[in-house]
């Protein structure tokens, strides 16, 4: 059972970066090559560009409205759905 971000806080999972720039910055700090980063830790912008654009647009709208946002955190879960008939 997932408990509201505790996996990433406890270091069990590596959070996925939203932008390619953020992903590259993270990889550099971790000592991960660009090839490994792209293969194993792609950004949301690389994996799902339409979703990343929508998320970035919403984040910008929130920033414009609230003016001084310090941080934004997002959580999503991806599960494979089995749609085959029994």
C-alpha atoms as a PDB file:
ATOM      1  CA  UNK A   1       0.000   0.000   0.000  1.00  0.00           C
ATOM      2  CA  UNK A   2       1.297   3.434  -0.925  1.00  0.00           C
ATOM      3  CA  UNK A   3       1.194   5.977   1.877  1.00  0.00           C
ATOM      4  CA  UNK A   4       1.285   9.492   0.477  1.00  0.00           C
ATOM      5  CA  UNK A   5       4.858   9.922  -0.719  1.00  0.00           C
ATOM      6  CA  UNK A   6       6.589   7.948   2.009  1.00  0.00           C
ATOM      7  CA  UNK A   7       8.377   5.775  -0.559  1.00  0.00           C
ATOM      8  CA  UNK A   8      10.187   8.724  -2.103  1.00  0.00           C
ATOM      9  CA  UNK A   9      10.783  10.373   1.286  1.00  0.00           C
ATOM     10  CA  UNK A  10      12.249   7.144   2.648  1.00  0.00           C
ATOM     11  CA  UNK A  11      14.468   6.730  -0.410  1.00  0.00           C
ATOM     12  CA  UNK A  12      12.721   3.610  -1.690  1.00  0.00           C
ATOM     13  CA  UNK A  13      11.902   5.218  -5.030  1.00  0.00           C
ATOM     14  CA  UNK A  14      13.637   7.870  -7.108  1.00  0.00           C
ATOM     15  CA  UNK A  15      11.205  10.642  -8.036  1.00  0.00           C
ATOM     16  CA  UNK A  16      10.965  11.284 -11.755  1.00  0.00           C
ATOM     17  CA  UNK A  17      11.968  14.757 -12.859  1.00  0.00           C
ATOM     18  CA  UNK A  18       9.406  16.714 -14.853  1.00  0.00           C
ATOM     19  CA  UNK A  19      11.731  18.482 -17.302  1.00  0.00           C
ATOM     20  CA  UNK A  20      14.677  17.207 -19.306  1.00  0.00           C
ATOM     21  CA  UNK A  21      16.784  20.002 -17.795  1.00  0.00           C
ATOM     22  CA  UNK A  22      15.847  18.922 -14.265  1.00  0.00           C
ATOM     23  CA  UNK A  23      16.577  15.293 -15.085  1.00  0.00           C
ATOM     24  CA  UNK A  24      20.013  16.133 -16.456  1.00  0.00           C
ATOM     25  CA  UNK A  25      20.821  18.292 -13.422  1.00  0.00           C
ATOM     26  CA  UNK A  26      19.749  15.490 -11.066  1.00  0.00           C
ATOM     27  CA  UNK A  27      21.817  12.901 -13.000  1.00  0.00           C
ATOM     28  CA  UNK A  28      24.905  15.109 -12.884  1.00  0.00           C
ATOM     29  CA  UNK A  29      24.583  15.494  -9.115  1.00  0.00           C
ATOM     30  CA  UNK A  30      24.201  11.722  -8.773  1.00  0.00           C
ATOM     31  CA  UNK A  31      27.153  10.952 -11.072  1.00  0.00           C
ATOM     32  CA  UNK A  32      24.922   9.220 -13.625  1.00  0.00           C
ATOM     33  CA  UNK A  33      25.886   9.319 -17.309  1.00  0.00           C
ATOM     34  CA  UNK A  34      23.536  10.853 -19.875  1.00  0.00           C
ATOM     35  CA  UNK A  35      23.090   7.455 -21.518  1.00  0.00           C
ATOM     36  CA  UNK A  36      22.058   5.795 -18.251  1.00  0.00           C
ATOM     37  CA  UNK A  37      19.847   8.739 -17.310  1.00  0.00           C
ATOM     38  CA  UNK A  38      17.987   8.657 -20.624  1.00  0.00           C
ATOM     39  CA  UNK A  39      17.534   4.880 -20.485  1.00  0.00           C
ATOM     40  CA  UNK A  40      16.656   4.400 -16.811  1.00  0.00           C
ATOM     41  CA  UNK A  41      15.548   7.807 -15.489  1.00  0.00           C
ATOM     42  CA  UNK A  42      13.839   9.720 -18.311  1.00  0.00           C
ATOM     43  CA  UNK A  43      12.003  12.909 -17.425  1.00  0.00           C
ATOM     44  CA  UNK A  44       8.242  13.150 -17.727  1.00  0.00           C
ATOM     45  CA  UNK A  45       8.889  15.561 -20.593  1.00  0.00           C
ATOM     46  CA  UNK A  46      10.687  12.776 -22.482  1.00  0.00           C
ATOM     47  CA  UNK A  47       8.354   9.920 -21.550  1.00  0.00           C
ATOM     48  CA  UNK A  48       4.990  11.713 -21.832  1.00  0.00           C
ATOM     49  CA  UNK A  49       5.508  15.109 -23.473  1.00  0.00           C
ATOM     50  CA  UNK A  50       1.799  16.017 -23.630  1.00  0.00           C
ATOM     51  CA  UNK A  51       1.314  15.299 -19.911  1.00  0.00           C
ATOM     52  CA  UNK A  52       4.457  17.230 -19.014  1.00  0.00           C
ATOM     53  CA  UNK A  53       3.290  20.259 -20.993  1.00  0.00           C
ATOM     54  CA  UNK A  54      -0.101  20.214 -19.282  1.00  0.00           C
ATOM     55  CA  UNK A  55       1.507  19.875 -15.846  1.00  0.00           C
ATOM     56  CA  UNK A  56       3.976  22.702 -16.531  1.00  0.00           C
ATOM     57  CA  UNK A  57       1.102  24.913 -17.764  1.00  0.00           C
ATOM     58  CA  UNK A  58      -0.910  24.256 -14.586  1.00  0.00           C
ATOM     59  CA  UNK A  59       2.146  24.935 -12.433  1.00  0.00           C
ATOM     60  CA  UNK A  60       2.655  28.273 -14.228  1.00  0.00           C
ATOM     61  CA  UNK A  61      -0.995  29.223 -13.667  1.00  0.00           C
ATOM     62  CA  UNK A  62      -0.621  28.471  -9.950  1.00  0.00           C
ATOM     63  CA  UNK A  63       2.593  30.506  -9.796  1.00  0.00           C
ATOM     64  CA  UNK A  64       0.915  33.427 -11.578  1.00  0.00           C
ATOM     65  CA  UNK A  65      -2.008  33.330  -9.147  1.00  0.00           C
ATOM     66  CA  UNK A  66      -0.180  32.762  -5.850  1.00  0.00           C
ATOM     67  CA  UNK A  67       2.933  34.751  -6.915  1.00  0.00           C
ATOM     68  CA  UNK A  68       5.470  33.281  -4.470  1.00  0.00           C
ATOM     69  CA  UNK A  69       5.226  29.504  -4.530  1.00  0.00           C
ATOM     70  CA  UNK A  70       8.193  27.859  -2.828  1.00  0.00           C
ATOM     71  CA  UNK A  71       7.746  24.296  -4.012  1.00  0.00           C
ATOM     72  CA  UNK A  72       5.365  22.037  -5.914  1.00  0.00           C
ATOM     73  CA  UNK A  73       5.023  18.305  -5.384  1.00  0.00           C
ATOM     74  CA  UNK A  74       3.091  15.933  -7.591  1.00  0.00           C
ATOM     75  CA  UNK A  75       2.266  12.301  -7.089  1.00  0.00           C
ATOM     76  CA  UNK A  76       0.950   9.954  -9.721  1.00  0.00           C
ATOM     77  CA  UNK A  77       0.715   6.219  -9.933  1.00  0.00           C
ATOM     78  CA  UNK A  78       0.854   4.234 -13.129  1.00  0.00           C
ATOM     79  CA  UNK A  79      -0.712   0.808 -13.150  1.00  0.00           C
ATOM     80  CA  UNK A  80      -1.145  -1.567 -16.022  1.00  0.00           C
ATOM     81  CA  UNK A  81      -4.758  -2.500 -16.568  1.00  0.00           C
ATOM     82  CA  UNK A  82      -5.601  -5.982 -17.726  1.00  0.00           C
ATOM     83  CA  UNK A  83      -8.529  -5.657 -20.088  1.00  0.00           C
ATOM     84  CA  UNK A  84      -8.612  -9.248 -21.326  1.00  0.00           C
ATOM     85  CA  UNK A  85     -11.799 -11.215 -20.893  1.00  0.00           C
ATOM     86  CA  UNK A  86     -11.652 -14.178 -18.483  1.00  0.00           C
END
